[in-house]
Every structure is written in C-alpha cells, then in structure tokens.
Amino acid sequence: GDQYAIAAVAARLEDTDWNVRHAAVEALVQLAERGDQNAITAVATCFEDTDLEVRRAAVEALVQLANKGDQHAIVGVASRLEDKDRDVRRAAVNALAQLAERGDQH
C-alpha cells in the first residue's frame, strides 16, 4: 500500500468525530496490504477508543490486515475479550478464531 496515504488516513484515527475514526479504520483495510505493520499498529490504537463501533471495527480490521499467527495482532485482539461491550467481545472471539494458529497460547 501507499505509505503516504496510509499515514494520512491513520492521522484521522485521532479525529474528535467517531464517524471519521470509524471511516479511517475501514479505509486502512482498503489501502494497506496484509501484514503492513504500520497499518496494524495504527488500527490497534483504536482498541481503547471511547466509541464501541470504532473498537469493533478495529478488531474486525485486524482480521483483514494481520497475517495468521501475528502475535502483535493476537495480543491486541485478545485484550478486547474483556471489553465492556458484548459486540466488541464477540468480534474479538471471531477475530481470534481467524488469527490464531493451532497451538497458540493466547
């Protein structure tokens, strides 16, 4: 993916409007190639977002961005298993099922 475009979109992850942050997460999935650690790191910053839709989108985005077995992504998604929102927790369970490799300890 175009690193300049990814950086420009990633900057929108800090916007005050949750709709903009949500759209930025979805745009990063479209712009970045699977395994792009810059995009993965940027999306992972949204795991603590105040808006549940942004947190859920971030979890779902990592499934599309991270390679299977990516420990950084797995640990980040696993942190959402304790999210206060049921939909975010459900998204985390589904994401872990797709990211974790047989025998992973997380």
N, C-alpha and C. Protein backbone atom coordinates (compact mmCIF):
# COMPACT_ATOMS: atom_id res chain seq x y z
N GLY A 1 0.81 -1.20 0.00
CA GLY A 1 0.00 0.00 0.00
C GLY A 1 0.85 1.26 0.00
N ASP A 2 0.25 2.33 -0.36
CA ASP A 2 0.89 3.64 -0.40
C ASP A 2 1.07 4.15 1.03
N GLN A 3 2.32 4.19 1.49
CA GLN A 3 2.59 4.57 2.89
C GLN A 3 2.18 6.01 3.20
N TYR A 4 2.24 6.90 2.21
CA TYR A 4 1.81 8.28 2.45
C TYR A 4 0.30 8.34 2.67
N ALA A 5 -0.44 7.59 1.86
CA ALA A 5 -1.90 7.56 2.02
C ALA A 5 -2.27 6.90 3.35
N ILE A 6 -1.57 5.84 3.70
CA ILE A 6 -1.83 5.15 4.97
C ILE A 6 -1.58 6.09 6.14
N ALA A 7 -0.48 6.84 6.08
CA ALA A 7 -0.17 7.79 7.16
C ALA A 7 -1.22 8.89 7.25
N ALA A 8 -1.69 9.37 6.11
CA ALA A 8 -2.70 10.43 6.10
C ALA A 8 -4.02 9.93 6.70
N VAL A 9 -4.40 8.72 6.34
CA VAL A 9 -5.63 8.15 6.89
C VAL A 9 -5.46 7.83 8.38
N ALA A 10 -4.31 7.29 8.74
CA ALA A 10 -4.05 6.95 10.15
C ALA A 10 -4.16 8.19 11.04
N ALA A 11 -3.79 9.35 10.52
CA ALA A 11 -3.90 10.58 11.30
C ALA A 11 -5.36 10.88 11.66
N ARG A 12 -6.29 10.41 10.84
CA ARG A 12 -7.73 10.62 11.09
C ARG A 12 -8.25 9.73 12.22
N LEU A 13 -7.45 8.78 12.66
CA LEU A 13 -7.86 7.92 13.77
C LEU A 13 -7.96 8.69 15.08
N GLU A 14 -7.41 9.89 15.10
CA GLU A 14 -7.46 10.73 16.30
C GLU A 14 -8.48 11.85 16.18
N ASP A 15 -9.30 11.82 15.14
CA ASP A 15 -10.32 12.84 14.95
C ASP A 15 -11.31 12.82 16.12
N THR A 16 -11.91 13.96 16.42
CA THR A 16 -12.86 14.02 17.52
C THR A 16 -14.20 13.37 17.18
N ASP A 17 -14.50 13.22 15.91
CA ASP A 17 -15.77 12.62 15.46
C ASP A 17 -15.59 11.11 15.29
N TRP A 18 -16.39 10.32 16.01
CA TRP A 18 -16.26 8.86 15.93
C TRP A 18 -16.54 8.34 14.53
N ASN A 19 -17.39 9.02 13.76
CA ASN A 19 -17.67 8.60 12.39
C ASN A 19 -16.41 8.68 11.52
N VAL A 20 -15.63 9.71 11.74
CA VAL A 20 -14.37 9.88 10.99
C VAL A 20 -13.39 8.78 11.39
N ARG A 21 -13.28 8.51 12.69
CA ARG A 21 -12.36 7.45 13.15
C ARG A 21 -12.79 6.10 12.59
N HIS A 22 -14.08 5.82 12.60
CA HIS A 22 -14.61 4.56 12.06
C HIS A 22 -14.29 4.44 10.57
N ALA A 23 -14.53 5.50 9.82
CA ALA A 23 -14.24 5.50 8.39
C ALA A 23 -12.75 5.32 8.13
N ALA A 24 -11.92 5.90 8.98
CA ALA A 24 -10.47 5.77 8.81
C ALA A 24 -10.02 4.32 9.00
N VAL A 25 -10.60 3.63 9.99
CA VAL A 25 -10.28 2.21 10.19
C VAL A 25 -10.63 1.43 8.94
N GLU A 26 -11.82 1.65 8.41
CA GLU A 26 -12.25 0.92 7.22
C GLU A 26 -11.39 1.27 6.01
N ALA A 27 -10.98 2.53 5.90
CA ALA A 27 -10.13 2.95 4.78
C ALA A 27 -8.76 2.29 4.85
N LEU A 28 -8.23 2.13 6.05
CA LEU A 28 -6.92 1.48 6.19
C LEU A 28 -6.96 0.04 5.68
N VAL A 29 -8.07 -0.64 5.89
CA VAL A 29 -8.21 -2.00 5.38
C VAL A 29 -8.11 -2.00 3.85
N GLN A 30 -8.69 -0.98 3.23
CA GLN A 30 -8.67 -0.90 1.76
C GLN A 30 -7.29 -0.49 1.23
N LEU A 31 -6.58 0.35 1.97
CA LEU A 31 -5.32 0.90 1.49
C LEU A 31 -4.12 -0.01 1.73
N ALA A 32 -4.10 -0.64 2.88
CA ALA A 32 -2.90 -1.38 3.30
C ALA A 32 -2.93 -2.81 2.78
N GLU A 33 -1.74 -3.34 2.61
CA GLU A 33 -1.61 -4.74 2.24
C GLU A 33 -1.57 -5.58 3.51
N ARG A 34 -2.00 -6.82 3.39
CA ARG A 34 -1.95 -7.74 4.53
C ARG A 34 -0.52 -7.80 5.07
N GLY A 35 -0.40 -7.70 6.39
CA GLY A 35 0.91 -7.75 7.02
C GLY A 35 1.58 -6.41 7.21
N ASP A 36 0.96 -5.32 6.75
CA ASP A 36 1.53 -3.99 6.88
C ASP A 36 1.52 -3.58 8.36
N GLN A 37 2.69 -3.62 8.99
CA GLN A 37 2.77 -3.37 10.43
C GLN A 37 2.40 -1.93 10.80
N ASN A 38 2.65 -0.98 9.92
CA ASN A 38 2.25 0.40 10.21
C ASN A 38 0.73 0.50 10.32
N ALA A 39 0.03 -0.12 9.40
CA ALA A 39 -1.44 -0.10 9.42
C ALA A 39 -1.97 -0.87 10.62
N ILE A 40 -1.36 -2.01 10.92
CA ILE A 40 -1.79 -2.83 12.06
C ILE A 40 -1.63 -2.05 13.36
N THR A 41 -0.49 -1.40 13.52
CA THR A 41 -0.23 -0.61 14.72
C THR A 41 -1.22 0.55 14.82
N ALA A 42 -1.48 1.21 13.71
CA ALA A 42 -2.42 2.34 13.72
C ALA A 42 -3.82 1.87 14.12
N VAL A 43 -4.28 0.78 13.53
CA VAL A 43 -5.62 0.26 13.85
C VAL A 43 -5.68 -0.17 15.31
N ALA A 44 -4.62 -0.77 15.81
CA ALA A 44 -4.60 -1.26 17.19
C ALA A 44 -4.76 -0.12 18.19
N THR A 45 -4.40 1.11 17.81
CA THR A 45 -4.60 2.23 18.74
C THR A 45 -6.08 2.47 19.01
N CYS A 46 -6.94 1.95 18.16
CA CYS A 46 -8.39 2.15 18.33
C CYS A 46 -9.03 1.14 19.28
N PHE A 47 -8.25 0.20 19.79
CA PHE A 47 -8.81 -0.78 20.72
C PHE A 47 -9.34 -0.14 21.99
N GLU A 48 -8.83 1.03 22.33
CA GLU A 48 -9.26 1.72 23.55
C GLU A 48 -10.16 2.91 23.23
N ASP A 49 -10.65 2.99 22.00
CA ASP A 49 -11.48 4.12 21.60
C ASP A 49 -12.71 4.22 22.50
N THR A 50 -13.21 5.43 22.67
CA THR A 50 -14.39 5.64 23.51
C THR A 50 -15.67 5.11 22.86
N ASP A 51 -15.64 4.97 21.53
CA ASP A 51 -16.84 4.52 20.82
C ASP A 51 -16.76 3.02 20.51
N LEU A 52 -17.81 2.29 20.86
CA LEU A 52 -17.80 0.85 20.67
C LEU A 52 -17.74 0.47 19.19
N GLU A 53 -18.34 1.25 18.31
CA GLU A 53 -18.30 0.92 16.87
C GLU A 53 -16.88 1.02 16.32
N VAL A 54 -16.12 1.98 16.83
CA VAL A 54 -14.73 2.12 16.40
C VAL A 54 -13.91 0.94 16.92
N ARG A 55 -14.13 0.55 18.18
CA ARG A 55 -13.40 -0.60 18.74
C ARG A 55 -13.72 -1.87 17.97
N ARG A 56 -15.01 -2.09 17.66
CA ARG A 56 -15.41 -3.28 16.93
C ARG A 56 -14.81 -3.28 15.52
N ALA A 57 -14.85 -2.13 14.85
CA ALA A 57 -14.28 -2.02 13.51
C ALA A 57 -12.78 -2.31 13.53
N ALA A 58 -12.10 -1.84 14.58
CA ALA A 58 -10.66 -2.08 14.68
C ALA A 58 -10.36 -3.57 14.83
N VAL A 59 -11.14 -4.25 15.65
CA VAL A 59 -10.94 -5.70 15.82
C VAL A 59 -11.18 -6.42 14.49
N GLU A 60 -12.26 -6.08 13.82
CA GLU A 60 -12.58 -6.72 12.54
C GLU A 60 -11.54 -6.38 11.47
N ALA A 61 -10.99 -5.17 11.52
CA ALA A 61 -9.99 -4.76 10.54
C ALA A 61 -8.71 -5.59 10.67
N LEU A 62 -8.35 -5.91 11.91
CA LEU A 62 -7.11 -6.67 12.08
C LEU A 62 -7.18 -8.05 11.44
N VAL A 63 -8.36 -8.63 11.37
CA VAL A 63 -8.51 -9.92 10.70
C VAL A 63 -8.09 -9.79 9.24
N GLN A 64 -8.40 -8.66 8.64
CA GLN A 64 -8.07 -8.45 7.23
C GLN A 64 -6.65 -7.94 7.02
N LEU A 65 -6.08 -7.30 8.03
CA LEU A 65 -4.75 -6.71 7.88
C LEU A 65 -3.62 -7.64 8.34
N ALA A 66 -3.84 -8.36 9.41
CA ALA A 66 -2.75 -9.15 10.01
C ALA A 66 -2.66 -10.53 9.36
N ASN A 67 -1.47 -11.04 9.33
CA ASN A 67 -1.26 -12.41 8.88
C ASN A 67 -1.67 -13.37 9.99
N LYS A 68 -2.12 -14.53 9.61
CA LYS A 68 -2.47 -15.56 10.59
C LYS A 68 -1.23 -15.82 11.44
N GLY A 69 -1.43 -15.85 12.76
CA GLY A 69 -0.31 -16.10 13.67
C GLY A 69 0.43 -14.85 14.10
N ASP A 70 0.05 -13.66 13.62
CA ASP A 70 0.71 -12.41 14.00
C ASP A 70 0.47 -12.16 15.50
N GLN A 71 1.50 -12.34 16.30
CA GLN A 71 1.37 -12.26 17.75
C GLN A 71 0.95 -10.88 18.23
N HIS A 72 1.46 -9.84 17.58
CA HIS A 72 1.09 -8.46 17.95
C HIS A 72 -0.43 -8.29 17.79
N ALA A 73 -0.96 -8.75 16.69
CA ALA A 73 -2.40 -8.63 16.44
C ALA A 73 -3.19 -9.50 17.40
N ILE A 74 -2.72 -10.71 17.64
CA ILE A 74 -3.43 -11.64 18.52
C ILE A 74 -3.52 -11.08 19.94
N VAL A 75 -2.41 -10.56 20.45
CA VAL A 75 -2.41 -9.99 21.80
C VAL A 75 -3.35 -8.79 21.87
N GLY A 76 -3.32 -7.94 20.84
CA GLY A 76 -4.20 -6.78 20.83
C GLY A 76 -5.67 -7.17 20.80
N VAL A 77 -6.01 -8.11 19.93
CA VAL A 77 -7.40 -8.56 19.84
C VAL A 77 -7.82 -9.25 21.13
N ALA A 78 -6.93 -10.04 21.71
CA ALA A 78 -7.24 -10.74 22.96
C ALA A 78 -7.58 -9.74 24.07
N SER A 79 -6.99 -8.56 24.03
CA SER A 79 -7.29 -7.55 25.05
C SER A 79 -8.76 -7.10 24.99
N ARG A 80 -9.39 -7.27 23.86
CA ARG A 80 -10.79 -6.86 23.71
C ARG A 80 -11.76 -7.93 24.21
N LEU A 81 -11.26 -9.08 24.63
CA LEU A 81 -12.14 -10.09 25.21
C LEU A 81 -12.76 -9.61 26.51
N GLU A 82 -12.15 -8.58 27.11
CA GLU A 82 -12.66 -8.01 28.35
C GLU A 82 -13.40 -6.69 28.11
N ASP A 83 -13.69 -6.37 26.86
CA ASP A 83 -14.36 -5.11 26.54
C ASP A 83 -15.72 -5.05 27.23
N LYS A 84 -16.13 -3.83 27.58
CA LYS A 84 -17.41 -3.67 28.27
C LYS A 84 -18.61 -3.92 27.35
N ASP A 85 -18.38 -3.90 26.03
CA ASP A 85 -19.47 -4.10 25.08
C ASP A 85 -19.49 -5.53 24.54
N ARG A 86 -20.65 -6.13 24.55
CA ARG A 86 -20.82 -7.52 24.10
C ARG A 86 -20.43 -7.70 22.63
N ASP A 87 -20.79 -6.75 21.77
CA ASP A 87 -20.49 -6.88 20.35
C ASP A 87 -18.98 -6.83 20.09
N VAL A 88 -18.28 -6.01 20.85
CA VAL A 88 -16.81 -5.94 20.71
C VAL A 88 -16.20 -7.26 21.17
N ARG A 89 -16.69 -7.80 22.29
CA ARG A 89 -16.17 -9.09 22.77
C ARG A 89 -16.44 -10.20 21.75
N ARG A 90 -17.63 -10.21 21.16
CA ARG A 90 -17.96 -11.22 20.15
C ARG A 90 -17.04 -11.09 18.93
N ALA A 91 -16.80 -9.85 18.50
CA ALA A 91 -15.90 -9.61 17.37
C ALA A 91 -14.49 -10.11 17.69
N ALA A 92 -14.06 -9.93 18.93
CA ALA A 92 -12.72 -10.39 19.34
C ALA A 92 -12.63 -11.91 19.30
N VAL A 93 -13.67 -12.59 19.76
CA VAL A 93 -13.67 -14.06 19.71
C VAL A 93 -13.57 -14.53 18.26
N ASN A 94 -14.38 -13.94 17.39
CA ASN A 94 -14.35 -14.32 15.98
C ASN A 94 -13.00 -14.02 15.34
N ALA A 95 -12.42 -12.87 15.68
CA ALA A 95 -11.12 -12.48 15.12
C ALA A 95 -10.03 -13.44 15.58
N LEU A 96 -10.05 -13.80 16.86
CA LEU A 96 -9.03 -14.72 17.36
C LEU A 96 -9.12 -16.08 16.67
N ALA A 97 -10.33 -16.51 16.39
CA ALA A 97 -10.51 -17.78 15.71
C ALA A 97 -9.86 -17.75 14.32
N GLN A 98 -9.83 -16.58 13.71
CA GLN A 98 -9.25 -16.46 12.37
C GLN A 98 -7.75 -16.15 12.41
N LEU A 99 -7.29 -15.47 13.46
CA LEU A 99 -5.88 -15.06 13.52
C LEU A 99 -4.96 -16.09 14.17
N ALA A 100 -5.47 -16.76 15.18
CA ALA A 100 -4.63 -17.68 15.94
C ALA A 100 -4.35 -18.94 15.14
N GLU A 101 -3.17 -19.46 15.33
CA GLU A 101 -2.81 -20.73 14.72
C GLU A 101 -2.94 -21.82 15.76
N ARG A 102 -3.17 -22.99 15.31
CA ARG A 102 -3.33 -24.12 16.23
C ARG A 102 -2.10 -24.18 17.16
N GLY A 103 -2.38 -24.23 18.46
CA GLY A 103 -1.30 -24.31 19.43
C GLY A 103 -0.88 -22.98 20.02
N ASP A 104 -1.43 -21.86 19.50
CA ASP A 104 -1.11 -20.55 20.09
C ASP A 104 -1.56 -20.53 21.54
N GLN A 105 -0.80 -19.86 22.37
CA GLN A 105 -1.06 -19.83 23.80
C GLN A 105 -1.97 -18.70 24.25
N HIS A 106 -2.42 -17.82 23.34
CA HIS A 106 -3.22 -16.65 23.75
C HIS A 106 -4.67 -16.93 23.78
